[in-house]
C-alpha atoms as a PDB file:
ATOM      1  CA  MET A   1      -0.253  -0.031   0.338  1.00  0.00           C
ATOM      2  CA  HIS A   2       1.134   3.835  -1.049  1.00  0.00           C
ATOM      3  CA  ALA A   3       0.141   6.450   1.004  1.00  0.00           C
ATOM      4  CA  ASP A   4       1.910  10.140   0.365  1.00  0.00           C
ATOM      5  CA  PHE A   5      -1.170  12.489   1.196  1.00  0.00           C
ATOM      6  CA  SER A   6       0.477  13.906   3.864  1.00  0.00           C
ATOM      7  CA  TRP A   7       3.792  14.754   2.020  1.00  0.00           C
ATOM      8  CA  LYS A   8       3.158  16.015  -1.417  1.00  0.00           C
ATOM      9  CA  PRO A   9       4.617  18.906  -2.590  1.00  0.00           C
ATOM     10  CA  LEU A  10       7.481  19.281  -0.377  1.00  0.00           C
ATOM     11  CA  ASN A  11       9.264  22.508   0.225  1.00  0.00           C
ATOM     12  CA  TRP A  12      12.194  21.414   2.064  1.00  0.00           C
ATOM     13  CA  HIS A  13      13.121  25.486   2.094  1.00  0.00           C
ATOM     14  CA  ARG A  14      14.656  24.723   6.108  1.00  0.00           C
ATOM     15  CA  LEU A  15      12.847  27.339   8.310  1.00  0.00           C
ATOM     16  CA  SER A  16      14.769  29.410  10.715  1.00  0.00           C
ATOM     17  CA  TYR A  17      13.043  30.991  14.176  1.00  0.00           C
ATOM     18  CA  ASP A  18      12.904  34.578  12.297  1.00  0.00           C
ATOM     19  CA  ASP A  19      11.393  33.374   9.423  1.00  0.00           C
ATOM     20  CA  LEU A  20       8.410  32.125  12.039  1.00  0.00           C
ATOM     21  CA  LYS A  21       6.243  35.395  12.811  1.00  0.00           C
ATOM     22  CA  VAL A  22       3.798  35.390  15.330  1.00  0.00           C
ATOM     23  CA  GLY A  23       0.706  35.628  13.658  1.00  0.00           C
ATOM     24  CA  TRP A  24       1.247  34.157  10.402  1.00  0.00           C
ATOM     25  CA  GLU A  25      -2.404  31.775   9.612  1.00  0.00           C
ATOM     26  CA  ARG A  26      -3.181  28.970   7.077  1.00  0.00           C
ATOM     27  CA  THR A  27      -6.038  27.121   5.952  1.00  0.00           C
ATOM     28  CA  TRP A  28      -5.744  23.857   4.137  1.00  0.00           C
ATOM     29  CA  GLU A  29      -7.765  20.892   3.339  1.00  0.00           C
ATOM     30  CA  ILE A  30      -6.785  16.959   3.113  1.00  0.00           C
ATOM     31  CA  PRO A  31      -8.948  14.083   2.500  1.00  0.00           C
ATOM     32  CA  ILE A  32      -9.117  11.446   5.715  1.00  0.00           C
ATOM     33  CA  THR A  33      -8.803   8.242   2.978  1.00  0.00           C
ATOM     34  CA  PHE A  34      -9.257   4.613   3.438  1.00  0.00           C
ATOM     35  CA  GLU A  35      -5.594   4.684   2.483  1.00  0.00           C
ATOM     36  CA  SER A  36      -3.927   6.826   4.493  1.00  0.00           C
ATOM     37  CA  VAL A  37      -6.125   5.500   7.683  1.00  0.00           C
ATOM     38  CA  ALA A  38      -4.849   2.377   6.817  1.00  0.00           C
ATOM     39  CA  TRP A  39      -0.761   3.248   6.604  1.00  0.00           C
ATOM     40  CA  TYR A  40      -1.422   5.627   9.416  1.00  0.00           C
ATOM     41  CA  ALA A  41      -2.521   2.818  11.478  1.00  0.00           C
ATOM     42  CA  ASP A  42       0.018   0.509  10.096  1.00  0.00           C
ATOM     43  CA  LEU A  43       3.153   2.948  11.111  1.00  0.00           C
ATOM     44  CA  ALA A  44       1.397   2.868  14.627  1.00  0.00           C
ATOM     45  CA  GLU A  45       0.932  -0.670  14.317  1.00  0.00           C
ATOM     46  CA  ASP A  46      -2.394  -0.416  15.564  1.00  0.00           C
ATOM     47  CA  PRO A  47      -4.562  -2.706  14.642  1.00  0.00           C
ATOM     48  CA  ASN A  48      -7.643  -1.558  16.356  1.00  0.00           C
ATOM     49  CA  PRO A  49     -10.641  -2.326  14.405  1.00  0.00           C
ATOM     50  CA  TRP A  50     -12.439   0.454  13.600  1.00  0.00           C
ATOM     51  CA  PHE A  51     -10.019   1.560  11.729  1.00  0.00           C
ATOM     52  CA  GLY A  52     -10.820  -0.906   9.105  1.00  0.00           C
ATOM     53  CA  PHE A  53     -12.966  -2.827   6.375  1.00  0.00           C
ATOM     54  CA  LYS A  54     -15.422  -2.950   8.943  1.00  0.00           C
ATOM     55  CA  GLY A  55     -16.429   0.404  10.093  1.00  0.00           C
ATOM     56  CA  SER A  56     -17.022   1.282  13.717  1.00  0.00           C
ATOM     57  CA  PRO A  57     -19.860   2.110  15.736  1.00  0.00           C
ATOM     58  CA  TRP A  58     -20.724   5.012  13.300  1.00  0.00           C
ATOM     59  CA  GLY A  59     -19.714   3.766  10.557  1.00  0.00           C
ATOM     60  CA  ALA A  60     -16.918   4.276   8.329  1.00  0.00           C
ATOM     61  CA  PRO A  61     -14.461   3.319   9.075  1.00  0.00           C
ATOM     62  CA  VAL A  62     -11.942   6.464  12.007  1.00  0.00           C
ATOM     63  CA  ALA A  63      -9.114   7.919  11.181  1.00  0.00           C
ATOM     64  CA  PRO A  64      -6.276   7.702  14.566  1.00  0.00           C
ATOM     65  CA  PRO A  65      -6.560  10.512  16.108  1.00  0.00           C
ATOM     66  CA  LEU A  66      -3.066  10.765  16.279  1.00  0.00           C
ATOM     67  CA  LEU A  67      -3.238  10.954  12.274  1.00  0.00           C
ATOM     68  CA  MET A  68      -4.914  14.205  12.796  1.00  0.00           C
ATOM     69  CA  SER A  69      -2.268  15.637  14.681  1.00  0.00           C
ATOM     70  CA  ARG A  70       0.896  14.157  12.515  1.00  0.00           C
ATOM     71  CA  LEU A  71      -1.337  15.758   9.517  1.00  0.00           C
ATOM     72  CA  CYS A  72      -1.596  19.195  11.242  1.00  0.00           C
ATOM     73  CA  SER A  73       1.869  19.327  11.492  1.00  0.00           C
ATOM     74  CA  ARG A  74       1.779  20.414   7.553  1.00  0.00           C
ATOM     75  CA  ILE A  75       0.813  24.302   8.686  1.00  0.00           C
ATOM     76  CA  THR A  76       4.395  25.532   6.954  1.00  0.00           C
ATOM     77  CA  ASP A  77       4.634  23.853   3.738  1.00  0.00           C
ATOM     78  CA  PRO A  78       3.923  26.550   1.905  1.00  0.00           C
ATOM     79  CA  ILE A  79       7.025  28.536   3.592  1.00  0.00           C
ATOM     80  CA  GLY A  80       9.403  25.476   4.496  1.00  0.00           C
ATOM     81  CA  ARG A  81       9.604  22.485   6.874  1.00  0.00           C
ATOM     82  CA  MET A  82      10.506  23.026  10.638  1.00  0.00           C
ATOM     83  CA  MET A  83      13.351  20.805   9.991  1.00  0.00           C
ATOM     84  CA  GLY A  84      15.672  21.293  13.789  1.00  0.00           C
ATOM     85  CA  PHE A  85      13.081  22.026  15.872  1.00  0.00           C
ATOM     86  CA  LEU A  86      12.191  19.913  18.507  1.00  0.00           C
ATOM     87  CA  ASN A  87       8.738  18.784  19.536  1.00  0.00           C
ATOM     88  CA  THR A  88       8.463  20.158  23.374  1.00  0.00           C
ATOM     89  CA  TYR A  89       4.426  20.219  24.619  1.00  0.00           C
ATOM     90  CA  ASN A  90       1.246  18.564  22.557  1.00  0.00           C
ATOM     91  CA  ARG A  91      -1.921  19.248  23.678  1.00  0.00           C
ATOM     92  CA  THR A  92      -4.685  17.653  21.833  1.00  0.00           C
ATOM     93  CA  PHE A  93      -8.834  17.590  22.136  1.00  0.00           C
ATOM     94  CA  THR A  94     -10.280  15.225  20.257  1.00  0.00           C
ATOM     95  CA  TYR A  95     -14.394  16.215  19.780  1.00  0.00           C
ATOM     96  CA  GLU A  96     -15.311  14.236  16.967  1.00  0.00           C
ATOM     97  CA  PRO A  97     -14.373  11.036  15.057  1.00  0.00           C
ATOM     98  CA  ALA A  98     -12.160  12.089  11.500  1.00  0.00           C
ATOM     99  CA  LEU A  99     -14.261   9.266   9.453  1.00  0.00           C
ATOM    100  CA  VAL A 100     -12.945   7.792   6.243  1.00  0.00           C
ATOM    101  CA  GLY A 101     -14.404   9.531   3.055  1.00  0.00           C
ATOM    102  CA  THR A 102     -14.255  13.479   5.483  1.00  0.00           C
ATOM    103  CA  MET A 103     -12.247  16.567   3.886  1.00  0.00           C
ATOM    104  CA  GLY A 104     -10.370  18.123   6.919  1.00  0.00           C
ATOM    105  CA  ARG A 105     -10.391  21.216   6.722  1.00  0.00           C
ATOM    106  CA  PHE A 106      -7.440  22.646   9.295  1.00  0.00           C
ATOM    107  CA  HIS A 107      -6.921  26.133  10.190  1.00  0.00           C
ATOM    108  CA  GLY A 108      -3.427  26.596  11.902  1.00  0.00           C
ATOM    109  CA  ARG A 109      -2.119  30.285  13.404  1.00  0.00           C
ATOM    110  CA  ILE A 110       1.531  30.892  14.927  1.00  0.00           C
ATOM    111  CA  THR A 111       0.635  31.866  18.093  1.00  0.00           C
ATOM    112  CA  GLU A 112       3.713  32.486  20.209  1.00  0.00           C
ATOM    113  CA  LYS A 113       7.268  32.900  19.888  1.00  0.00           C
ATOM    114  CA  PHE A 114       9.665  33.790  23.382  1.00  0.00           C
ATOM    115  CA  GLU A 115      13.452  32.765  24.687  1.00  0.00           C
ATOM    116  CA  LYS A 116      13.651  31.334  28.098  1.00  0.00           C
ATOM    117  CA  ASN A 117      17.030  30.073  29.435  1.00  0.00           C
ATOM    118  CA  GLY A 118      18.707  31.584  26.020  1.00  0.00           C
ATOM    119  CA  ARG A 119      16.827  29.000  24.272  1.00  0.00           C
ATOM    120  CA  GLN A 120      13.832  29.909  21.185  1.00  0.00           C
ATOM    121  CA  TYR A 121      10.046  28.577  21.269  1.00  0.00           C
ATOM    122  CA  VAL A 122       7.747  29.353  18.819  1.00  0.00           C
ATOM    123  CA  ARG A 123       4.177  27.644  19.664  1.00  0.00           C
ATOM    124  CA  TYR A 124       0.939  27.453  17.434  1.00  0.00           C
ATOM    125  CA  GLU A 125      -2.427  26.469  17.408  1.00  0.00           C
ATOM    126  CA  ILE A 126      -4.707  24.327  14.880  1.00  0.00           C
ATOM    127  CA  ASP A 127      -8.202  23.568  14.739  1.00  0.00           C
ATOM    128  CA  VAL A 128      -9.519  21.021  12.213  1.00  0.00           C
ATOM    129  CA  THR A 129     -13.091  20.913  11.092  1.00  0.00           C
ATOM    130  CA  ASP A 130     -15.484  18.435   8.761  1.00  0.00           C
ATOM    131  CA  ALA A 131     -15.238  20.845   6.000  1.00  0.00           C
ATOM    132  CA  ALA A 132     -18.879  19.753   4.538  1.00  0.00           C
ATOM    133  CA  THR A 133     -20.325  20.337   7.564  1.00  0.00           C
ATOM    134  CA  GLY A 134     -18.407  22.641   9.684  1.00  0.00           C
ATOM    135  CA  THR A 135     -18.388  20.217  12.942  1.00  0.00           C
ATOM    136  CA  LYS A 136     -15.516  20.660  14.860  1.00  0.00           C
ATOM    137  CA  LEU A 137     -12.910  17.583  15.450  1.00  0.00           C
ATOM    138  CA  LEU A 138      -9.751  18.158  16.698  1.00  0.00           C
ATOM    139  CA  HIS A 139      -7.848  21.213  18.948  1.00  0.00           C
ATOM    140  CA  GLU A 140      -4.092  20.555  18.586  1.00  0.00           C
ATOM    141  CA  GLU A 141      -1.721  23.070  20.840  1.00  0.00           C
ATOM    142  CA  LYS A 142       2.382  22.460  19.424  1.00  0.00           C
ATOM    143  CA  GLU A 143       5.492  23.890  20.797  1.00  0.00           C
ATOM    144  CA  TYR A 144       9.096  23.455  19.676  1.00  0.00           C
ATOM    145  CA  ILE A 145      11.894  24.840  20.508  1.00  0.00           C
ATOM    146  CA  ALA A 146      14.410  25.840  17.520  1.00  0.00           C
ATOM    147  CA  THR A 147      17.784  23.935  17.857  1.00  0.00           C
ATOM    148  CA  PRO A 148      21.158  25.907  16.515  1.00  0.00           C
ATOM    149  CA  GLN A 149      21.845  25.770  12.743  1.00  0.00           C
ATOM    150  CA  ALA A 150      24.634  24.695  11.556  1.00  0.00           C
ATOM    151  CA  LYS A 151      26.972  27.531   9.942  1.00  0.00           C
ATOM    152  CA  GLU A 152      27.234  27.583   5.995  1.00  0.00           C
ATOM    153  CA  GLU A 153      31.233  27.144   4.856  1.00  0.00           C
ATOM    154  CA  LYS A 154      32.427  29.783   3.287  1.00  0.00           C
ATOM    155  CA  SER A 155      34.489  27.888  -0.478  1.00  0.00           C
END
């Protein structure tokens, strides 16, 4: 099975702390497909039958809640990747299951940047809704610490 839903197109520009601006926001949509659910369930080694063809108590199979959290990391895709940032804090609220066939609408914003003990941090929040119904599916708060970037050598 091949599920490349969450990595195209890749923007490999490495973001720095200075590239991230408080107030920057983005809205994007990602379909929740059986392939993406099966890929993530296999990756997480989670054989929950609710993720499979037989469905769930809600009818269609459901997405593993952490799949939705993983998709939140696409917030910076248009401007680059947060390579070299380490996740230091996650707070996730799951309100409703994301069913296969749902078009997830993600709206994220950078909410804060700060320094603590000489280290630089950035925080963002993302809300995920069902694009068709507006039902709130998930709220995520993340905090990252920027790691020092290697200096480029001059030739």
